[in-house]
Amino acid sequence: MYHLSEIEHVLSIYDTTHSFKETIRLAGYPSRETLRLWLRQRQQGSLPPASRGSKRATRPRHSNVTPEERIRACVRSFGDRNAIRAVAKELGVDRSSLYTWIRKYQEGSLPMKKKKSKRAPQ
């Protein structure tokens, strides 16, 4: 996930070069598909407003969804694409994450307990 400042930087390069290839070469990211998406979002006015000095990504990198909530989400989503979209939005996670949880649940490998952090306590 990219920070809004990174998105704005890439879009400003594109505004100067008017070239997907040159923009990606100069910035080092994103893919052509992602750049097209950002341009479409900007054109439709659906890019989030610029935040002043915020270092926060547009979506949190790690969710705070407990293993129990993941299991409930899997059960609620089985076989219904609309339910998957609604559950993912409700939990604030990407649909691809929910599909991964469902696959792991069906395989029996979805963790039942939250992993302990390896980082030192702050």
PDB file of N, CA and C in Angstrom:
ATOM      1  N   MET A   1       0.833  -1.164   0.000  1.00  0.00           N
ATOM      2  CA  MET A   1       0.000   0.000   0.000  1.00  0.00           C
ATOM      3  C   MET A   1       0.887   1.239   0.000  1.00  0.00           C
ATOM      4  N   TYR A   2       0.542   2.184  -0.790  1.00  0.00           N
ATOM      5  CA  TYR A   2       1.341   3.391  -0.928  1.00  0.00           C
ATOM      6  C   TYR A   2       0.767   4.530  -0.083  1.00  0.00           C
ATOM      7  N   HIS A   3       1.652   5.361   0.420  1.00  0.00           N
ATOM      8  CA  HIS A   3       1.233   6.576   1.116  1.00  0.00           C
ATOM      9  C   HIS A   3       0.687   7.554   0.089  1.00  0.00           C
ATOM     10  N   LEU A   4      -0.210   8.388   0.533  1.00  0.00           N
ATOM     11  CA  LEU A   4      -0.805   9.374  -0.363  1.00  0.00           C
ATOM     12  C   LEU A   4       0.271  10.284  -0.964  1.00  0.00           C
ATOM     13  N   SER A   5       1.292  10.609  -0.170  1.00  0.00           N
ATOM     14  CA  SER A   5       2.369  11.464  -0.685  1.00  0.00           C
ATOM     15  C   SER A   5       3.118  10.772  -1.829  1.00  0.00           C
ATOM     16  N   GLU A   6       3.267   9.454  -1.751  1.00  0.00           N
ATOM     17  CA  GLU A   6       3.925   8.702  -2.822  1.00  0.00           C
ATOM     18  C   GLU A   6       3.065   8.713  -4.086  1.00  0.00           C
ATOM     19  N   ILE A   7       1.760   8.565  -3.913  1.00  0.00           N
ATOM     20  CA  ILE A   7       0.844   8.589  -5.050  1.00  0.00           C
ATOM     21  C   ILE A   7       0.905   9.953  -5.732  1.00  0.00           C
ATOM     22  N   GLU A   8       0.849  11.012  -4.922  1.00  0.00           N
ATOM     23  CA  GLU A   8       0.896  12.364  -5.473  1.00  0.00           C
ATOM     24  C   GLU A   8       2.220  12.628  -6.202  1.00  0.00           C
ATOM     25  N   HIS A   9       3.317  12.099  -5.654  1.00  0.00           N
ATOM     26  CA  HIS A   9       4.631  12.255  -6.284  1.00  0.00           C
ATOM     27  C   HIS A   9       4.641  11.611  -7.672  1.00  0.00           C
ATOM     28  N   VAL A  10       4.141  10.388  -7.756  1.00  0.00           N
ATOM     29  CA  VAL A  10       4.116   9.671  -9.029  1.00  0.00           C
ATOM     30  C   VAL A  10       3.204  10.389 -10.021  1.00  0.00           C
ATOM     31  N   LEU A  11       2.057  10.867  -9.562  1.00  0.00           N
ATOM     32  CA  LEU A  11       1.138  11.562 -10.461  1.00  0.00           C
ATOM     33  C   LEU A  11       1.744  12.872 -10.968  1.00  0.00           C
ATOM     34  N   SER A  12       2.538  13.538 -10.138  1.00  0.00           N
ATOM     35  CA  SER A  12       3.187  14.772 -10.605  1.00  0.00           C
ATOM     36  C   SER A  12       4.251  14.455 -11.660  1.00  0.00           C
ATOM     37  N   ILE A  13       4.952  13.342 -11.506  1.00  0.00           N
ATOM     38  CA  ILE A  13       5.919  12.917 -12.522  1.00  0.00           C
ATOM     39  C   ILE A  13       5.176  12.621 -13.822  1.00  0.00           C
ATOM     40  N   TYR A  14       4.038  11.921 -13.717  1.00  0.00           N
ATOM     41  CA  TYR A  14       3.262  11.597 -14.917  1.00  0.00           C
ATOM     42  C   TYR A  14       2.773  12.873 -15.604  1.00  0.00           C
ATOM     43  N   ASP A  15       2.345  13.862 -14.805  1.00  0.00           N
ATOM     44  CA  ASP A  15       1.880  15.130 -15.385  1.00  0.00           C
ATOM     45  C   ASP A  15       2.989  15.815 -16.181  1.00  0.00           C
ATOM     46  N   THR A  16       4.230  15.608 -15.761  1.00  0.00           N
ATOM     47  CA  THR A  16       5.367  16.213 -16.450  1.00  0.00           C
ATOM     48  C   THR A  16       5.745  15.422 -17.705  1.00  0.00           C
ATOM     49  N   THR A  17       5.788  14.092 -17.580  1.00  0.00           N
ATOM     50  CA  THR A  17       6.277  13.255 -18.675  1.00  0.00           C
ATOM     51  C   THR A  17       5.185  12.800 -19.640  1.00  0.00           C
ATOM     52  N   HIS A  18       3.959  12.641 -19.141  1.00  0.00           N
ATOM     53  CA  HIS A  18       2.844  12.107 -19.936  1.00  0.00           C
ATOM     54  C   HIS A  18       3.193  10.743 -20.524  1.00  0.00           C
ATOM     55  N   SER A  19       3.988   9.967 -19.773  1.00  0.00           N
ATOM     56  CA  SER A  19       4.420   8.659 -20.239  1.00  0.00           C
ATOM     57  C   SER A  19       4.416   7.675 -19.068  1.00  0.00           C
ATOM     58  N   PHE A  20       3.702   6.556 -19.243  1.00  0.00           N
ATOM     59  CA  PHE A  20       3.698   5.523 -18.213  1.00  0.00           C
ATOM     60  C   PHE A  20       5.109   4.981 -17.994  1.00  0.00           C
ATOM     61  N   LYS A  21       5.760   4.630 -19.096  1.00  0.00           N
ATOM     62  CA  LYS A  21       7.087   4.015 -19.030  1.00  0.00           C
ATOM     63  C   LYS A  21       8.087   4.933 -18.326  1.00  0.00           C
ATOM     64  N   GLU A  22       8.102   6.203 -18.712  1.00  0.00           N
ATOM     65  CA  GLU A  22       9.058   7.149 -18.135  1.00  0.00           C
ATOM     66  C   GLU A  22       8.736   7.416 -16.654  1.00  0.00           C
ATOM     67  N   THR A  23       7.460   7.508 -16.318  1.00  0.00           N
ATOM     68  CA  THR A  23       7.063   7.734 -14.925  1.00  0.00           C
ATOM     69  C   THR A  23       7.532   6.590 -14.034  1.00  0.00           C
ATOM     70  N   ILE A  24       7.300   5.375 -14.485  1.00  0.00           N
ATOM     71  CA  ILE A  24       7.691   4.199 -13.699  1.00  0.00           C
ATOM     72  C   ILE A  24       9.207   4.102 -13.614  1.00  0.00           C
ATOM     73  N   ARG A  25       9.897   4.445 -14.694  1.00  0.00           N
ATOM     74  CA  ARG A  25      11.369   4.419 -14.685  1.00  0.00           C
ATOM     75  C   ARG A  25      11.924   5.437 -13.701  1.00  0.00           C
ATOM     76  N   LEU A  26      11.376   6.641 -13.703  1.00  0.00           N
ATOM     77  CA  LEU A  26      11.883   7.697 -12.824  1.00  0.00           C
ATOM     78  C   LEU A  26      11.545   7.455 -11.353  1.00  0.00           C
ATOM     79  N   ALA A  27      10.321   7.010 -11.094  1.00  0.00           N
ATOM     80  CA  ALA A  27       9.898   6.818  -9.706  1.00  0.00           C
ATOM     81  C   ALA A  27      10.328   5.462  -9.151  1.00  0.00           C
ATOM     82  N   GLY A  28      10.440   4.469 -10.019  1.00  0.00           N
ATOM     83  CA  GLY A  28      10.781   3.129  -9.554  1.00  0.00           C
ATOM     84  C   GLY A  28       9.565   2.318  -9.136  1.00  0.00           C
ATOM     85  N   TYR A  29       8.420   2.888  -9.212  1.00  0.00           N
ATOM     86  CA  TYR A  29       7.153   2.253  -8.889  1.00  0.00           C
ATOM     87  C   TYR A  29       6.069   3.085  -9.516  1.00  0.00           C
ATOM     88  N   PRO A  30       4.864   2.732  -9.601  1.00  0.00           N
ATOM     89  CA  PRO A  30       4.177   1.454  -9.376  1.00  0.00           C
ATOM     90  C   PRO A  30       4.138   0.664 -10.683  1.00  0.00           C
ATOM     91  N   SER A  31       3.248  -0.323 -10.756  1.00  0.00           N
ATOM     92  CA  SER A  31       3.033  -1.030 -12.018  1.00  0.00           C
ATOM     93  C   SER A  31       2.178  -0.149 -12.930  1.00  0.00           C
ATOM     94  N   ARG A  32       2.148  -0.488 -14.209  1.00  0.00           N
ATOM     95  CA  ARG A  32       1.309   0.273 -15.150  1.00  0.00           C
ATOM     96  C   ARG A  32      -0.154   0.239 -14.731  1.00  0.00           C
ATOM     97  N   GLU A  33      -0.588  -0.931 -14.297  1.00  0.00           N
ATOM     98  CA  GLU A  33      -1.993  -1.087 -13.897  1.00  0.00           C
ATOM     99  C   GLU A  33      -2.329  -0.176 -12.714  1.00  0.00           C
ATOM    100  N   THR A  34      -1.442  -0.112 -11.737  1.00  0.00           N
ATOM    101  CA  THR A  34      -1.669   0.746 -10.577  1.00  0.00           C
ATOM    102  C   THR A  34      -1.658   2.212 -10.967  1.00  0.00           C
ATOM    103  N   LEU A  35      -0.744   2.595 -11.843  1.00  0.00           N
ATOM    104  CA  LEU A  35      -0.691   3.982 -12.295  1.00  0.00           C
ATOM    105  C   LEU A  35      -1.974   4.355 -13.034  1.00  0.00           C
ATOM    106  N   ARG A  36      -2.474   3.456 -13.878  1.00  0.00           N
ATOM    107  CA  ARG A  36      -3.754   3.704 -14.564  1.00  0.00           C
ATOM    108  C   ARG A  36      -4.879   3.888 -13.553  1.00  0.00           C
ATOM    109  N   LEU A  37      -4.891   3.047 -12.524  1.00  0.00           N
ATOM    110  CA  LEU A  37      -5.925   3.148 -11.487  1.00  0.00           C
ATOM    111  C   LEU A  37      -5.857   4.501 -10.790  1.00  0.00           C
ATOM    112  N   TRP A  38      -4.653   4.942 -10.417  1.00  0.00           N
ATOM    113  CA  TRP A  38      -4.508   6.226  -9.732  1.00  0.00           C
ATOM    114  C   TRP A  38      -4.958   7.382 -10.618  1.00  0.00           C
ATOM    115  N   LEU A  39      -4.632   7.316 -11.916  1.00  0.00           N
ATOM    116  CA  LEU A  39      -5.058   8.372 -12.838  1.00  0.00           C
ATOM    117  C   LEU A  39      -6.580   8.392 -12.965  1.00  0.00           C
ATOM    118  N   ARG A  40      -7.184   7.211 -13.040  1.00  0.00           N
ATOM    119  CA  ARG A  40      -8.641   7.117 -13.132  1.00  0.00           C
ATOM    120  C   ARG A  40      -9.289   7.654 -11.855  1.00  0.00           C
ATOM    121  N   GLN A  41      -8.731   7.297 -10.699  1.00  0.00           N
ATOM    122  CA  GLN A  41      -9.271   7.785  -9.424  1.00  0.00           C
ATOM    123  C   GLN A  41      -9.143   9.300  -9.322  1.00  0.00           C
ATOM    124  N   ARG A  42      -8.025   9.843  -9.761  1.00  0.00           N
ATOM    125  CA  ARG A  42      -7.837  11.288  -9.713  1.00  0.00           C
ATOM    126  C   ARG A  42      -8.846  11.978 -10.625  1.00  0.00           C
ATOM    127  N   GLN A  43      -9.061  11.407 -11.804  1.00  0.00           N
ATOM    128  CA  GLN A  43      -9.993  11.985 -12.760  1.00  0.00           C
ATOM    129  C   GLN A  43     -11.421  11.973 -12.193  1.00  0.00           C
ATOM    130  N   GLN A  44     -11.774  10.912 -11.478  1.00  0.00           N
ATOM    131  CA  GLN A  44     -13.109  10.800 -10.896  1.00  0.00           C
ATOM    132  C   GLN A  44     -13.219  11.539  -9.568  1.00  0.00           C
ATOM    133  N   GLY A  45     -12.091  12.031  -9.066  1.00  0.00           N
ATOM    134  CA  GLY A  45     -12.094  12.742  -7.795  1.00  0.00           C
ATOM    135  C   GLY A  45     -12.215  11.835  -6.589  1.00  0.00           C
ATOM    136  N   SER A  46     -11.834  10.551  -6.746  1.00  0.00           N
ATOM    137  CA  SER A  46     -11.984   9.610  -5.638  1.00  0.00           C
ATOM    138  C   SER A  46     -10.680   9.322  -4.891  1.00  0.00           C
ATOM    139  N   LEU A  47      -9.586  10.027  -5.234  1.00  0.00           N
ATOM    140  CA  LEU A  47      -8.371   9.899  -4.428  1.00  0.00           C
ATOM    141  C   LEU A  47      -8.630  10.597  -3.101  1.00  0.00           C
ATOM    142  N   PRO A  48      -8.162  10.033  -1.994  1.00  0.00           N
ATOM    143  CA  PRO A  48      -8.380  10.704  -0.714  1.00  0.00           C
ATOM    144  C   PRO A  48      -7.670  12.051  -0.681  1.00  0.00           C
ATOM    145  N   PRO A  49      -8.203  13.015   0.065  1.00  0.00           N
ATOM    146  CA  PRO A  49      -7.553  14.320   0.119  1.00  0.00           C
ATOM    147  C   PRO A  49      -6.172  14.224   0.735  1.00  0.00           C
ATOM    148  N   ALA A  50      -5.293  15.111   0.322  1.00  0.00           N
ATOM    149  CA  ALA A  50      -3.918  15.106   0.838  1.00  0.00           C
ATOM    150  C   ALA A  50      -3.944  15.415   2.323  1.00  0.00           C
ATOM    151  N   SER A  51      -3.181  14.648   3.056  1.00  0.00           N
ATOM    152  CA  SER A  51      -3.093  14.894   4.498  1.00  0.00           C
ATOM    153  C   SER A  51      -1.805  15.648   4.769  1.00  0.00           C
ATOM    154  N   ARG A  52      -1.861  16.583   5.651  1.00  0.00           N
ATOM    155  CA  ARG A  52      -0.701  17.432   5.913  1.00  0.00           C
ATOM    156  C   ARG A  52       0.252  16.756   6.878  1.00  0.00           C
ATOM    157  N   GLY A  53       1.375  16.312   6.348  1.00  0.00           N
ATOM    158  CA  GLY A  53       2.428  15.761   7.185  1.00  0.00           C
ATOM    159  C   GLY A  53       2.143  14.392   7.768  1.00  0.00           C
ATOM    160  N   SER A  54       1.060  13.776   7.402  1.00  0.00           N
ATOM    161  CA  SER A  54       0.732  12.472   7.954  1.00  0.00           C
ATOM    162  C   SER A  54       1.578  11.399   7.287  1.00  0.00           C
ATOM    163  N   LYS A  55       2.122  10.503   8.075  1.00  0.00           N
ATOM    164  CA  LYS A  55       2.928   9.404   7.548  1.00  0.00           C
ATOM    165  C   LYS A  55       2.094   8.139   7.407  1.00  0.00           C
ATOM    166  N   ARG A  56       0.808   8.221   7.745  1.00  0.00           N
ATOM    167  CA  ARG A  56      -0.046   7.049   7.739  1.00  0.00           C
ATOM    168  C   ARG A  56      -0.425   6.659   6.316  1.00  0.00           C
ATOM    169  N   ALA A  57      -0.398   5.373   6.035  1.00  0.00           N
ATOM    170  CA  ALA A  57      -0.793   4.875   4.722  1.00  0.00           C
ATOM    171  C   ALA A  57      -2.297   5.035   4.558  1.00  0.00           C
ATOM    172  N   THR A  58      -2.769   4.928   3.318  1.00  0.00           N
ATOM    173  CA  THR A  58      -4.188   5.071   3.065  1.00  0.00           C
ATOM    174  C   THR A  58      -4.983   3.922   3.683  1.00  0.00           C
ATOM    175  N   ARG A  59      -4.357   2.809   3.940  1.00  0.00           N
ATOM    176  CA  ARG A  59      -4.988   1.679   4.612  1.00  0.00           C
ATOM    177  C   ARG A  59      -3.947   1.073   5.548  1.00  0.00           C
ATOM    178  N   PRO A  60      -4.318   0.693   6.767  1.00  0.00           N
ATOM    179  CA  PRO A  60      -3.328   0.129   7.679  1.00  0.00           C
ATOM    180  C   PRO A  60      -2.702  -1.139   7.102  1.00  0.00           C
ATOM    181  N   ARG A  61      -1.417  -1.296   7.347  1.00  0.00           N
ATOM    182  CA  ARG A  61      -0.696  -2.445   6.804  1.00  0.00           C
ATOM    183  C   ARG A  61      -1.144  -3.742   7.461  1.00  0.00           C
ATOM    184  N   HIS A  62      -1.355  -3.740   8.748  1.00  0.00           N
ATOM    185  CA  HIS A  62      -1.772  -4.943   9.463  1.00  0.00           C
ATOM    186  C   HIS A  62      -3.096  -4.661  10.149  1.00  0.00           C
ATOM    187  N   SER A  63      -4.022  -5.584  10.010  1.00  0.00           N
ATOM    188  CA  SER A  63      -5.317  -5.390  10.642  1.00  0.00           C
ATOM    189  C   SER A  63      -5.278  -5.907  12.072  1.00  0.00           C
ATOM    190  N   ASN A  64      -6.210  -5.435  12.848  1.00  0.00           N
ATOM    191  CA  ASN A  64      -6.334  -5.882  14.234  1.00  0.00           C
ATOM    192  C   ASN A  64      -7.497  -6.846  14.363  1.00  0.00           C
ATOM    193  N   VAL A  65      -7.667  -7.702  13.373  1.00  0.00           N
ATOM    194  CA  VAL A  65      -8.746  -8.669  13.371  1.00  0.00           C
ATOM    195  C   VAL A  65      -8.269  -9.914  14.100  1.00  0.00           C
ATOM    196  N   THR A  66      -8.989 -10.292  15.134  1.00  0.00           N
ATOM    197  CA  THR A  66      -8.600 -11.460  15.924  1.00  0.00           C
ATOM    198  C   THR A  66      -8.872 -12.737  15.135  1.00  0.00           C
ATOM    199  N   PRO A  67      -8.208 -13.837  15.497  1.00  0.00           N
ATOM    200  CA  PRO A  67      -8.460 -15.107  14.811  1.00  0.00           C
ATOM    201  C   PRO A  67      -9.932 -15.536  14.894  1.00  0.00           C
ATOM    202  N   GLU A  68     -10.576 -15.252  16.019  1.00  0.00           N
ATOM    203  CA  GLU A  68     -11.989 -15.609  16.167  1.00  0.00           C
ATOM    204  C   GLU A  68     -12.853 -14.816  15.182  1.00  0.00           C
ATOM    205  N   GLU A  69     -12.527 -13.531  15.005  1.00  0.00           N
ATOM    206  CA  GLU A  69     -13.260 -12.700  14.047  1.00  0.00           C
ATOM    207  C   GLU A  69     -13.021 -13.188  12.621  1.00  0.00           C
ATOM    208  N   ARG A  70     -11.817 -13.654  12.349  1.00  0.00           N
ATOM    209  CA  ARG A  70     -11.511 -14.182  11.015  1.00  0.00           C
ATOM    210  C   ARG A  70     -12.361 -15.403  10.717  1.00  0.00           C
ATOM    211  N   ILE A  71     -12.485 -16.289  11.696  1.00  0.00           N
ATOM    212  CA  ILE A  71     -13.293 -17.502  11.507  1.00  0.00           C
ATOM    213  C   ILE A  71     -14.751 -17.130  11.284  1.00  0.00           C
ATOM    214  N   ARG A  72     -15.281 -16.196  12.096  1.00  0.00           N
ATOM    215  CA  ARG A  72     -16.671 -15.751  11.916  1.00  0.00           C
ATOM    216  C   ARG A  72     -16.861 -15.122  10.533  1.00  0.00           C
ATOM    217  N   ALA A  73     -15.867 -14.371  10.083  1.00  0.00           N
ATOM    218  CA  ALA A  73     -15.943 -13.740   8.764  1.00  0.00           C
ATOM    219  C   ALA A  73     -15.978 -14.803   7.662  1.00  0.00           C
ATOM    220  N   CYS A  74     -15.185 -15.849   7.817  1.00  0.00           N
ATOM    221  CA  CYS A  74     -15.166 -16.931   6.830  1.00  0.00           C
ATOM    222  C   CYS A  74     -16.530 -17.609   6.739  1.00  0.00           C
ATOM    223  N   VAL A  75     -17.095 -17.915   7.889  1.00  0.00           N
ATOM    224  CA  VAL A  75     -18.392 -18.595   7.922  1.00  0.00           C
ATOM    225  C   VAL A  75     -19.473 -17.715   7.298  1.00  0.00           C
ATOM    226  N   ARG A  76     -19.441 -16.408   7.587  1.00  0.00           N
ATOM    227  CA  ARG A  76     -20.444 -15.482   7.046  1.00  0.00           C
ATOM    228  C   ARG A  76     -20.320 -15.305   5.540  1.00  0.00           C
ATOM    229  N   SER A  77     -19.145 -15.541   4.972  1.00  0.00           N
ATOM    230  CA  SER A  77     -18.873 -15.206   3.575  1.00  0.00           C
ATOM    231  C   SER A  77     -19.004 -16.368   2.602  1.00  0.00           C
ATOM    232  N   PHE A  78     -19.183 -17.572   3.065  1.00  0.00           N
ATOM    233  CA  PHE A  78     -19.133 -18.721   2.174  1.00  0.00           C
ATOM    234  C   PHE A  78     -20.091 -18.602   1.005  1.00  0.00           C
ATOM    235  N   GLY A  79     -19.521 -18.670  -0.211  1.00  0.00           N
ATOM    236  CA  GLY A  79     -20.300 -18.780  -1.424  1.00  0.00           C
ATOM    237  C   GLY A  79     -21.042 -17.544  -1.900  1.00  0.00           C
ATOM    238  N   ASP A  80     -20.893 -16.424  -1.241  1.00  0.00           N
ATOM    239  CA  ASP A  80     -21.645 -15.231  -1.640  1.00  0.00           C
ATOM    240  C   ASP A  80     -20.684 -14.069  -1.833  1.00  0.00           C
ATOM    241  N   ARG A  81     -20.461 -13.685  -3.091  1.00  0.00           N
ATOM    242  CA  ARG A  81     -19.517 -12.596  -3.390  1.00  0.00           C
ATOM    243  C   ARG A  81     -19.932 -11.285  -2.746  1.00  0.00           C
ATOM    244  N   ASN A  82     -21.227 -11.021  -2.712  1.00  0.00           N
ATOM    245  CA  ASN A  82     -21.699  -9.784  -2.081  1.00  0.00           C
ATOM    246  C   ASN A  82     -21.413  -9.785  -0.592  1.00  0.00           C
ATOM    247  N   ALA A  83     -21.549 -10.961   0.031  1.00  0.00           N
ATOM    248  CA  ALA A  83     -21.248 -11.068   1.461  1.00  0.00           C
ATOM    249  C   ALA A  83     -19.755 -10.855   1.696  1.00  0.00           C
ATOM    250  N   ILE A  84     -18.925 -11.376   0.815  1.00  0.00           N
ATOM    251  CA  ILE A  84     -17.477 -11.206   0.957  1.00  0.00           C
ATOM    252  C   ILE A  84     -17.127  -9.727   0.896  1.00  0.00           C
ATOM    253  N   ARG A  85     -17.703  -9.022  -0.058  1.00  0.00           N
ATOM    254  CA  ARG A  85     -17.442  -7.580  -0.189  1.00  0.00           C
ATOM    255  C   ARG A  85     -17.891  -6.842   1.083  1.00  0.00           C
ATOM    256  N   ALA A  86     -19.071  -7.162   1.573  1.00  0.00           N
ATOM    257  CA  ALA A  86     -19.607  -6.483   2.754  1.00  0.00           C
ATOM    258  C   ALA A  86     -18.793  -6.797   4.006  1.00  0.00           C
ATOM    259  N   VAL A  87     -18.435  -8.063   4.189  1.00  0.00           N
ATOM    260  CA  VAL A  87     -17.659  -8.461   5.372  1.00  0.00           C
ATOM    261  C   VAL A  87     -16.278  -7.817   5.339  1.00  0.00           C
ATOM    262  N   ALA A  88     -15.628  -7.813   4.178  1.00  0.00           N
ATOM    263  CA  ALA A  88     -14.296  -7.207   4.062  1.00  0.00           C
ATOM    264  C   ALA A  88     -14.362  -5.719   4.379  1.00  0.00           C
ATOM    265  N   LYS A  89     -15.381  -5.047   3.876  1.00  0.00           N
ATOM    266  CA  LYS A  89     -15.534  -3.620   4.142  1.00  0.00           C
ATOM    267  C   LYS A  89     -15.793  -3.370   5.627  1.00  0.00           C
ATOM    268  N   GLU A  90     -16.626  -4.196   6.219  1.00  0.00           N
ATOM    269  CA  GLU A  90     -16.946  -4.066   7.642  1.00  0.00           C
ATOM    270  C   GLU A  90     -15.707  -4.227   8.524  1.00  0.00           C
ATOM    271  N   LEU A  91     -14.840  -5.176   8.167  1.00  0.00           N
ATOM    272  CA  LEU A  91     -13.634  -5.431   8.959  1.00  0.00           C
ATOM    273  C   LEU A  91     -12.489  -4.494   8.594  1.00  0.00           C
ATOM    274  N   GLY A  92     -12.620  -3.791   7.463  1.00  0.00           N
ATOM    275  CA  GLY A  92     -11.560  -2.876   7.038  1.00  0.00           C
ATOM    276  C   GLY A  92     -10.362  -3.595   6.459  1.00  0.00           C
ATOM    277  N   VAL A  93     -10.619  -4.740   5.806  1.00  0.00           N
ATOM    278  CA  VAL A  93      -9.543  -5.502   5.179  1.00  0.00           C
ATOM    279  C   VAL A  93      -9.826  -5.630   3.697  1.00  0.00           C
ATOM    280  N   ASP A  94      -8.805  -5.991   2.935  1.00  0.00           N
ATOM    281  CA  ASP A  94      -8.943  -6.189   1.515  1.00  0.00           C
ATOM    282  C   ASP A  94      -9.644  -7.518   1.260  1.00  0.00           C
ATOM    283  N   ARG A  95     -10.415  -7.578   0.168  1.00  0.00           N
ATOM    284  CA  ARG A  95     -11.111  -8.834  -0.151  1.00  0.00           C
ATOM    285  C   ARG A  95     -10.137  -9.978  -0.356  1.00  0.00           C
ATOM    286  N   SER A  96      -8.954  -9.692  -0.904  1.00  0.00           N
ATOM    287  CA  SER A  96      -7.989 -10.767  -1.130  1.00  0.00           C
ATOM    288  C   SER A  96      -7.560 -11.402   0.193  1.00  0.00           C
ATOM    289  N   SER A  97      -7.490 -10.595   1.252  1.00  0.00           N
ATOM    290  CA  SER A  97      -7.169 -11.145   2.576  1.00  0.00           C
ATOM    291  C   SER A  97      -8.275 -12.082   3.040  1.00  0.00           C
ATOM    292  N   LEU A  98      -9.520 -11.665   2.828  1.00  0.00           N
ATOM    293  CA  LEU A  98     -10.645 -12.498   3.235  1.00  0.00           C
ATOM    294  C   LEU A  98     -10.660 -13.810   2.444  1.00  0.00           C
ATOM    295  N   TYR A  99     -10.377 -13.741   1.143  1.00  0.00           N
ATOM    296  CA  TYR A  99     -10.300 -14.974   0.343  1.00  0.00           C
ATOM    297  C   TYR A  99      -9.187 -15.887   0.863  1.00  0.00           C
ATOM    298  N   THR A 100      -8.057 -15.307   1.282  1.00  0.00           N
ATOM    299  CA  THR A 100      -6.964 -16.103   1.839  1.00  0.00           C
ATOM    300  C   THR A 100      -7.409 -16.777   3.137  1.00  0.00           C
ATOM    301  N   TRP A 101      -8.108 -16.027   3.998  1.00  0.00           N
ATOM    302  CA  TRP A 101      -8.607 -16.618   5.250  1.00  0.00           C
ATOM    303  C   TRP A 101      -9.564 -17.772   4.964  1.00  0.00           C
ATOM    304  N   ILE A 102     -10.456 -17.584   3.984  1.00  0.00           N
ATOM    305  CA  ILE A 102     -11.416 -18.635   3.649  1.00  0.00           C
ATOM    306  C   ILE A 102     -10.693 -19.876   3.160  1.00  0.00           C
ATOM    307  N   ARG A 103      -9.700 -19.690   2.287  1.00  0.00           N
ATOM    308  CA  ARG A 103      -8.930 -20.838   1.785  1.00  0.00           C
ATOM    309  C   ARG A 103      -8.239 -21.570   2.933  1.00  0.00           C
ATOM    310  N   LYS A 104      -7.600 -20.802   3.823  1.00  0.00           N
ATOM    311  CA  LYS A 104      -6.906 -21.428   4.951  1.00  0.00           C
ATOM    312  C   LYS A 104      -7.894 -22.110   5.898  1.00  0.00           C
ATOM    313  N   TYR A 105      -9.068 -21.512   6.066  1.00  0.00           N
ATOM    314  CA  TYR A 105     -10.108 -22.108   6.922  1.00  0.00           C
ATOM    315  C   TYR A 105     -10.537 -23.457   6.339  1.00  0.00           C
ATOM    316  N   GLN A 106     -10.746 -23.509   5.020  1.00  0.00           N
ATOM    317  CA  GLN A 106     -11.159 -24.749   4.371  1.00  0.00           C
ATOM    318  C   GLN A 106     -10.065 -25.810   4.438  1.00  0.00           C
ATOM    319  N   GLU A 107      -8.797 -25.375   4.418  1.00  0.00           N
ATOM    320  CA  GLU A 107      -7.672 -26.308   4.522  1.00  0.00           C
ATOM    321  C   GLU A 107      -7.425 -26.728   5.965  1.00  0.00           C
ATOM    322  N   GLY A 108      -8.028 -26.013   6.902  1.00  0.00           N
ATOM    323  CA  GLY A 108      -7.818 -26.303   8.318  1.00  0.00           C
ATOM    324  C   GLY A 108      -6.543 -25.683   8.866  1.00  0.00           C
ATOM    325  N   SER A 109      -5.999 -24.693   8.162  1.00  0.00           N
ATOM    326  CA  SER A 109      -4.734 -24.105   8.614  1.00  0.00           C
ATOM    327  C   SER A 109      -4.880 -22.662   9.101  1.00  0.00           C
ATOM    328  N   LEU A 110      -6.118 -22.178   9.256  1.00  0.00           N
ATOM    329  CA  LEU A 110      -6.310 -20.830   9.788  1.00  0.00           C
ATOM    330  C   LEU A 110      -5.990 -20.862  11.276  1.00  0.00           C
ATOM    331  N   PRO A 111      -5.044 -20.034  11.753  1.00  0.00           N
ATOM    332  CA  PRO A 111      -4.650 -20.086  13.158  1.00  0.00           C
ATOM    333  C   PRO A 111      -5.815 -19.754  14.085  1.00  0.00           C
ATOM    334  N   MET A 112      -5.901 -20.500  15.168  1.00  0.00           N
ATOM    335  CA  MET A 112      -6.970 -20.287  16.146  1.00  0.00           C
ATOM    336  C   MET A 112      -6.577 -19.251  17.189  1.00  0.00           C
ATOM    337  N   LYS A 113      -5.283 -19.036  17.379  1.00  0.00           N
ATOM    338  CA  LYS A 113      -4.806 -18.074  18.367  1.00  0.00           C
ATOM    339  C   LYS A 113      -3.922 -17.052  17.682  1.00  0.00           C
ATOM    340  N   LYS A 114      -3.904 -15.852  18.242  1.00  0.00           N
ATOM    341  CA  LYS A 114      -3.065 -14.796  17.708  1.00  0.00           C
ATOM    342  C   LYS A 114      -1.602 -15.093  18.032  1.00  0.00           C
ATOM    343  N   LYS A 115      -0.724 -14.901  17.053  1.00  0.00           N
ATOM    344  CA  LYS A 115       0.697 -15.149  17.272  1.00  0.00           C
ATOM    345  C   LYS A 115       1.245 -14.130  18.242  1.00  0.00           C
ATOM    346  N   LYS A 116       2.200 -14.566  19.038  1.00  0.00           N
ATOM    347  CA  LYS A 116       2.855 -13.640  19.954  1.00  0.00           C
ATOM    348  C   LYS A 116       3.839 -12.788  19.177  1.00  0.00           C
ATOM    349  N   SER A 117       3.903 -11.536  19.530  1.00  0.00           N
ATOM    350  CA  SER A 117       4.806 -10.606  18.855  1.00  0.00           C
ATOM    351  C   SER A 117       6.250 -10.935  19.199  1.00  0.00           C
ATOM    352  N   LYS A 118       7.115 -10.848  18.210  1.00  0.00           N
ATOM    353  CA  LYS A 118       8.539 -11.085  18.432  1.00  0.00           C
ATOM    354  C   LYS A 118       9.259  -9.795  18.791  1.00  0.00           C
ATOM    355  N   ARG A 119       8.529  -8.667  18.669  1.00  0.00           N
ATOM    356  CA  ARG A 119       9.137  -7.389  19.006  1.00  0.00           C
ATOM    357  C   ARG A 119       9.173  -7.193  20.511  1.00  0.00           C
ATOM    358  N   ALA A 120      10.166  -6.453  20.932  1.00  0.00           N
ATOM    359  CA  ALA A 120      10.284  -6.167  22.361  1.00  0.00           C
ATOM    360  C   ALA A 120       9.152  -5.229  22.773  1.00  0.00           C
ATOM    361  N   PRO A 121       8.634  -5.391  23.980  1.00  0.00           N
ATOM    362  CA  PRO A 121       7.562  -4.489  24.436  1.00  0.00           C
ATOM    363  C   PRO A 121       8.061  -3.056  24.519  1.00  0.00           C
ATOM    364  N   GLN A 122       7.173  -2.107  24.220  1.00  0.00           N
ATOM    365  CA  GLN A 122       7.576  -0.705  24.218  1.00  0.00           C
ATOM    366  C   GLN A 122       7.332  -0.065  25.554  1.00  0.00           C
TER     367      GLN A 122
END
